[in-house]
C-alpha atoms as a PDB file:
ATOM      1  CA  UNK A   1      48.799  48.912 -21.007  1.00  0.00           C
ATOM      2  CA  UNK A   2      47.557  49.640 -24.580  1.00  0.00           C
ATOM      3  CA  UNK A   3      44.848  46.965 -24.315  1.00  0.00           C
ATOM      4  CA  UNK A   4      42.946  48.709 -21.501  1.00  0.00           C
ATOM      5  CA  UNK A   5      39.898  50.875 -22.162  1.00  0.00           C
ATOM      6  CA  UNK A   6      38.297  53.482 -19.874  1.00  0.00           C
ATOM      7  CA  UNK A   7      34.531  53.626 -19.509  1.00  0.00           C
ATOM      8  CA  UNK A   8      33.099  57.151 -19.300  1.00  0.00           C
ATOM      9  CA  UNK A   9      30.302  57.196 -16.719  1.00  0.00           C
ATOM     10  CA  UNK A  10      29.156  60.769 -17.407  1.00  0.00           C
ATOM     11  CA  UNK A  11      29.186  63.103 -20.357  1.00  0.00           C
ATOM     12  CA  UNK A  12      31.900  65.706 -20.437  1.00  0.00           C
ATOM     13  CA  UNK A  13      31.362  69.274 -21.565  1.00  0.00           C
ATOM     14  CA  UNK A  14      32.442  69.601 -25.185  1.00  0.00           C
ATOM     15  CA  UNK A  15      31.707  66.044 -26.255  1.00  0.00           C
ATOM     16  CA  UNK A  16      29.047  65.285 -28.865  1.00  0.00           C
ATOM     17  CA  UNK A  17      26.698  63.653 -26.354  1.00  0.00           C
ATOM     18  CA  UNK A  18      27.009  66.415 -23.718  1.00  0.00           C
ATOM     19  CA  UNK A  19      24.030  68.506 -24.961  1.00  0.00           C
ATOM     20  CA  UNK A  20      21.799  65.433 -25.064  1.00  0.00           C
ATOM     21  CA  UNK A  21      22.863  64.395 -21.569  1.00  0.00           C
ATOM     22  CA  UNK A  22      22.248  67.945 -20.256  1.00  0.00           C
ATOM     23  CA  UNK A  23      18.807  68.043 -21.881  1.00  0.00           C
ATOM     24  CA  UNK A  24      17.913  64.683 -20.348  1.00  0.00           C
ATOM     25  CA  UNK A  25      18.939  65.822 -16.848  1.00  0.00           C
ATOM     26  CA  UNK A  26      17.072  69.126 -17.179  1.00  0.00           C
ATOM     27  CA  UNK A  27      13.984  67.428 -18.654  1.00  0.00           C
ATOM     28  CA  UNK A  28      13.840  64.944 -15.759  1.00  0.00           C
ATOM     29  CA  UNK A  29      14.252  67.690 -13.136  1.00  0.00           C
ATOM     30  CA  UNK A  30      11.537  69.847 -14.692  1.00  0.00           C
ATOM     31  CA  UNK A  31       9.147  66.901 -14.916  1.00  0.00           C
ATOM     32  CA  UNK A  32       9.909  65.959 -11.274  1.00  0.00           C
ATOM     33  CA  UNK A  33       8.891  69.496 -10.255  1.00  0.00           C
ATOM     34  CA  UNK A  34       5.640  69.202 -12.209  1.00  0.00           C
ATOM     35  CA  UNK A  35       6.414  70.839 -15.541  1.00  0.00           C
ATOM     36  CA  UNK A  36       4.880  69.274 -18.639  1.00  0.00           C
ATOM     37  CA  UNK A  37       6.463  69.726 -22.082  1.00  0.00           C
ATOM     38  CA  UNK A  38       4.080  71.040 -24.715  1.00  0.00           C
ATOM     39  CA  UNK A  39       3.149  68.781 -27.609  1.00  0.00           C
ATOM     40  CA  UNK A  40       3.943  71.506 -30.156  1.00  0.00           C
ATOM     41  CA  UNK A  41       7.489  72.163 -28.899  1.00  0.00           C
ATOM     42  CA  UNK A  42       9.363  69.889 -26.447  1.00  0.00           C
ATOM     43  CA  UNK A  43      11.558  72.834 -25.382  1.00  0.00           C
ATOM     44  CA  UNK A  44       8.567  74.705 -23.939  1.00  0.00           C
ATOM     45  CA  UNK A  45       7.306  73.537 -20.555  1.00  0.00           C
ATOM     46  CA  UNK A  46       4.182  74.552 -18.641  1.00  0.00           C
ATOM     47  CA  UNK A  47       3.630  74.259 -14.891  1.00  0.00           C
ATOM     48  CA  UNK A  48       0.206  74.655 -13.325  1.00  0.00           C
ATOM     49  CA  UNK A  49      -0.289  74.194  -9.631  1.00  0.00           C
ATOM     50  CA  UNK A  50      -3.556  72.573  -8.594  1.00  0.00           C
ATOM     51  CA  UNK A  51      -5.052  73.223 -12.072  1.00  0.00           C
ATOM     52  CA  UNK A  52      -5.558  76.897 -11.245  1.00  0.00           C
ATOM     53  CA  UNK A  53      -5.304  79.682 -13.778  1.00  0.00           C
ATOM     54  CA  UNK A  54      -1.818  80.650 -12.616  1.00  0.00           C
ATOM     55  CA  UNK A  55       0.973  79.020 -14.543  1.00  0.00           C
ATOM     56  CA  UNK A  56       4.669  79.238 -15.305  1.00  0.00           C
ATOM     57  CA  UNK A  57       5.982  78.900 -18.842  1.00  0.00           C
ATOM     58  CA  UNK A  58       9.613  77.862 -19.178  1.00  0.00           C
ATOM     59  CA  UNK A  59      11.470  77.863 -22.491  1.00  0.00           C
ATOM     60  CA  UNK A  60      14.769  76.017 -22.936  1.00  0.00           C
ATOM     61  CA  UNK A  61      17.350  77.071 -25.510  1.00  0.00           C
ATOM     62  CA  UNK A  62      20.535  74.989 -25.150  1.00  0.00           C
ATOM     63  CA  UNK A  63      21.601  76.006 -21.611  1.00  0.00           C
ATOM     64  CA  UNK A  64      19.536  79.189 -21.319  1.00  0.00           C
ATOM     65  CA  UNK A  65      16.092  79.300 -19.725  1.00  0.00           C
ATOM     66  CA  UNK A  66      13.364  81.911 -20.136  1.00  0.00           C
ATOM     67  CA  UNK A  67      10.767  81.854 -17.362  1.00  0.00           C
ATOM     68  CA  UNK A  68       7.459  83.721 -17.604  1.00  0.00           C
ATOM     69  CA  UNK A  69       4.568  83.923 -15.167  1.00  0.00           C
ATOM     70  CA  UNK A  70       1.971  86.398 -13.959  1.00  0.00           C
ATOM     71  CA  UNK A  71       2.355  84.951 -10.449  1.00  0.00           C
ATOM     72  CA  UNK A  72       5.519  86.204  -8.715  1.00  0.00           C
ATOM     73  CA  UNK A  73       5.258  83.586  -5.963  1.00  0.00           C
ATOM     74  CA  UNK A  74       5.159  80.692  -8.444  1.00  0.00           C
ATOM     75  CA  UNK A  75       8.069  82.154 -10.398  1.00  0.00           C
ATOM     76  CA  UNK A  76      10.105  82.507  -7.197  1.00  0.00           C
ATOM     77  CA  UNK A  77       9.374  78.883  -6.284  1.00  0.00           C
ATOM     78  CA  UNK A  78      10.534  77.695  -9.707  1.00  0.00           C
ATOM     79  CA  UNK A  79      13.690  79.818  -9.546  1.00  0.00           C
ATOM     80  CA  UNK A  80      14.439  78.503  -6.049  1.00  0.00           C
ATOM     81  CA  UNK A  81      14.036  74.920  -7.233  1.00  0.00           C
ATOM     82  CA  UNK A  82      16.329  75.524 -10.214  1.00  0.00           C
ATOM     83  CA  UNK A  83      18.956  77.254  -8.041  1.00  0.00           C
ATOM     84  CA  UNK A  84      18.991  74.257  -5.682  1.00  0.00           C
ATOM     85  CA  UNK A  85      19.214  71.817  -8.578  1.00  0.00           C
ATOM     86  CA  UNK A  86      21.780  73.578 -10.790  1.00  0.00           C
ATOM     87  CA  UNK A  87      24.485  76.195 -10.632  1.00  0.00           C
ATOM     88  CA  UNK A  88      22.817  79.140 -12.326  1.00  0.00           C
ATOM     89  CA  UNK A  89      22.752  82.899 -12.676  1.00  0.00           C
ATOM     90  CA  UNK A  90      19.561  84.940 -12.790  1.00  0.00           C
ATOM     91  CA  UNK A  91      20.080  87.652 -15.415  1.00  0.00           C
ATOM     92  CA  UNK A  92      16.860  89.465 -14.509  1.00  0.00           C
ATOM     93  CA  UNK A  93      14.269  90.596 -17.002  1.00  0.00           C
ATOM     94  CA  UNK A  94      14.633  89.353 -20.545  1.00  0.00           C
ATOM     95  CA  UNK A  95      16.333  91.926 -22.769  1.00  0.00           C
ATOM     96  CA  UNK A  96      17.609  89.804 -25.681  1.00  0.00           C
ATOM     97  CA  UNK A  97      16.496  86.381 -26.923  1.00  0.00           C
ATOM     98  CA  UNK A  98      17.629  84.588 -30.094  1.00  0.00           C
ATOM     99  CA  UNK A  99      18.975  87.818 -31.563  1.00  0.00           C
ATOM    100  CA  UNK A 100      15.815  89.801 -30.817  1.00  0.00           C
ATOM    101  CA  UNK A 101      15.714  92.785 -28.497  1.00  0.00           C
ATOM    102  CA  UNK A 102      12.822  92.629 -26.028  1.00  0.00           C
ATOM    103  CA  UNK A 103      11.353  95.974 -24.922  1.00  0.00           C
ATOM    104  CA  UNK A 104       8.649  95.937 -22.297  1.00  0.00           C
ATOM    105  CA  UNK A 105       6.379  98.766 -21.189  1.00  0.00           C
ATOM    106  CA  UNK A 106       4.544  97.694 -18.048  1.00  0.00           C
ATOM    107  CA  UNK A 107       2.373 100.831 -17.916  1.00  0.00           C
ATOM    108  CA  UNK A 108       0.923 100.166 -21.378  1.00  0.00           C
ATOM    109  CA  UNK A 109       1.154  96.364 -20.940  1.00  0.00           C
ATOM    110  CA  UNK A 110       3.003  95.800 -24.216  1.00  0.00           C
ATOM    111  CA  UNK A 111       6.148  94.004 -25.408  1.00  0.00           C
END
């Protein structure tokens, strides 16, 4: 019947509103876990557990995430939460980001 219309209940990959819908879902999940977006950039989130010095910084770029922390246990907890919440692949240490090559020397503590 040409007079019927379908209502789309979720965003589909490839549609204009899909990135916004994805960002909203991710933002809500991160906030539920305890992440707080920074005031200077809403794509950068910080998580501090019990107001201690240890923290996790998470940066969102479209559908890629960069996670940084000095505390391996906290980083593992965040990764576990994300793996339970979303289908994802851990690509290991950051080597390229936004067209920049990242070289890290742990012995000299430099990037």
